[in-house]
Amino acid sequence: MEPSWDDIRKILKGAKNIAVVGLSNNPDRPSHDIAGYLKRAGYHIIPVNPTIKEALGEKAYPSLRDVPEKVDIVQIFRRSEEVPAVVEDAIAIGAKVVWMQPGAENDEAAARAEGAGLTAVNGACMMVAHRTLRL
């Protein structure tokens, strides 16, 4: 079940740490632009990408399971077929929310996340939601 705008407002207002799976250090990539916006909005961005050492001035981790701090939201910039494994990692680390950006939608992975007690946002852009809600 897709969260309501009220739910999304609560998610975004209650979050501090956002692990961005698939974050690129290339400023021309949407993941870099969106994560940069969220960092400027006050969130702590945690890059998760095994091919980079850092992005947006933050240390990158090869996987979610390597992140040493608490993660509130796992934001996903991966192909939809790669999302189920990311959701399993999100469940394993105790994240509260998995947020599948446009292009990363996966209904089965969203259902798995919700079945494990996480909130799943499937196919909405976090930056657009943040701007729309004027947070």
Foldseek 3Di string as FASTA:
>chain_A
DADDLVVLVCLLVVFAEEEEEPQDQDCVDPSLVLVLVVVVVHHHYEYADLVDQDHPPHGYHPALLPDPDQHAEYEYDDAQVPLLVNLVSCLVRVHQEYEYAARNFDPVSQVVNVVSRHHYHGHHRSSVSCVVVVD
